[in-house]
Protein backbone atom coordinates (compact mmCIF):
# COMPACT_ATOMS: atom_id res chain seq x y z
CA UNK A 1 -16.67 0.03 20.30
CA UNK A 2 -19.17 2.34 18.64
CA UNK A 3 -19.74 2.35 14.91
CA UNK A 4 -18.28 5.85 14.65
CA UNK A 5 -15.16 4.88 16.57
CA UNK A 6 -14.74 1.79 14.39
CA UNK A 7 -15.12 3.91 11.24
CA UNK A 8 -12.47 6.33 12.49
CA UNK A 9 -10.13 3.41 13.31
CA UNK A 10 -10.53 2.01 9.81
CA UNK A 11 -9.82 5.41 8.25
CA UNK A 12 -6.67 5.70 10.36
CA UNK A 13 -5.51 2.27 9.24
CA UNK A 14 -6.25 3.19 5.61
CA UNK A 15 -4.10 6.32 5.93
CA UNK A 16 -1.28 4.24 7.39
CA UNK A 17 -1.48 1.68 4.60
CA UNK A 18 -1.34 4.43 1.98
CA UNK A 19 1.66 5.94 3.77
CA UNK A 20 3.40 2.53 3.73
CA UNK A 21 2.68 2.16 0.00
CA UNK A 22 4.19 5.58 -0.68
CA UNK A 23 7.22 4.76 1.49
CA UNK A 24 7.82 1.55 -0.44
CA UNK A 25 7.66 3.28 -3.80
CA UNK A 26 9.87 6.15 -2.58
CA UNK A 27 12.49 3.75 -1.27
CA UNK A 28 16.00 4.09 -2.76
CA UNK A 29 15.85 0.50 -3.88
CA UNK A 30 13.20 1.44 -6.44
CA UNK A 31 15.79 3.51 -8.32
CA UNK A 32 18.59 1.03 -8.38
CA UNK A 33 17.74 -0.09 -11.90
CA UNK A 34 19.12 3.22 -13.17
CA UNK A 35 22.53 2.12 -12.01
CA UNK A 36 22.29 -1.50 -13.16
CA UNK A 37 23.39 -1.27 -16.77
CA UNK A 38 26.08 -3.24 -18.53
CA UNK A 39 28.76 -0.88 -17.22
CA UNK A 40 27.82 -1.61 -13.63
CA UNK A 41 27.51 -5.39 -13.52
CA UNK A 42 29.92 -7.50 -15.46
CA UNK A 43 30.49 -11.17 -15.53
CA UNK A 44 28.46 -14.32 -15.93
CA UNK A 45 25.74 -13.29 -13.50
CA UNK A 46 25.10 -9.71 -14.62
CA UNK A 47 21.92 -10.60 -16.51
CA UNK A 48 20.69 -12.58 -13.55
CA UNK A 49 21.37 -9.66 -11.23
CA UNK A 50 19.43 -7.24 -13.44
CA UNK A 51 16.54 -9.66 -13.82
CA UNK A 52 16.40 -10.32 -10.08
CA UNK A 53 16.38 -6.58 -9.34
CA UNK A 54 13.57 -6.04 -11.89
CA UNK A 55 11.59 -8.91 -10.38
CA UNK A 56 12.06 -7.59 -6.85
CA UNK A 57 11.02 -4.07 -7.84
CA UNK A 58 7.92 -5.49 -9.52
CA UNK A 59 7.06 -7.37 -6.32
CA UNK A 60 7.45 -4.17 -4.29
CA UNK A 61 5.18 -2.24 -6.68
CA UNK A 62 2.63 -5.06 -6.43
CA UNK A 63 2.82 -4.98 -2.61
CA UNK A 64 2.29 -1.21 -2.63
CA UNK A 65 -0.76 -1.61 -4.86
CA UNK A 66 -2.13 -4.32 -2.61
CA UNK A 67 -1.70 -2.00 0.40
CA UNK A 68 -3.68 0.67 -1.48
CA UNK A 69 -6.40 -1.87 -2.31
CA UNK A 70 -6.70 -2.79 1.38
CA UNK A 71 -6.83 0.91 2.27
CA UNK A 72 -9.68 1.33 -0.21
CA UNK A 73 -11.54 -1.59 1.39
CA UNK A 74 -11.03 -0.07 4.85
CA UNK A 75 -12.51 3.20 3.59
CA UNK A 76 -15.52 1.30 2.21
CA UNK A 77 -16.01 -0.44 5.52
CA UNK A 78 -15.74 2.90 7.32
CA UNK A 79 -18.53 4.28 5.18
CA UNK A 80 -20.63 1.25 6.08
CA UNK A 81 -20.02 1.90 9.78
CA UNK A 82 -20.95 5.54 9.22
CA UNK A 83 -24.26 4.40 7.73
CA UNK A 84 -24.85 2.19 10.77
CA UNK A 85 -24.09 5.09 13.11
CA UNK A 86 -26.45 7.36 11.16
CA UNK A 87 -29.19 4.77 11.36
CA UNK A 88 -28.70 4.37 15.10
CA UNK A 89 -28.94 8.12 15.56
CA UNK A 90 -32.13 8.14 13.50
CA UNK A 91 -33.63 5.37 15.61
CA UNK A 92 -32.66 7.10 18.85
CA UNK A 93 -33.98 10.49 17.78
């Protein structure tokens, strides 16, 4: 695979990772905390339910940020492949 093709592949993967991150954060589950007040959950486990939801939402936000970080790294690697391709063109010309 050429350096240019590899760079394009990495950019495509980066776009997909960013799309996944946005999909995670736009998921309906990310808004459930608005409905999880004391009027919604009653009983001995209501605090545990709210805490579990908050923890799970935090994990999802962290996963989305990690996807964005990997997308950023893919973009960096794509730029490196672009530099290799440019150097190869310069040597061939």
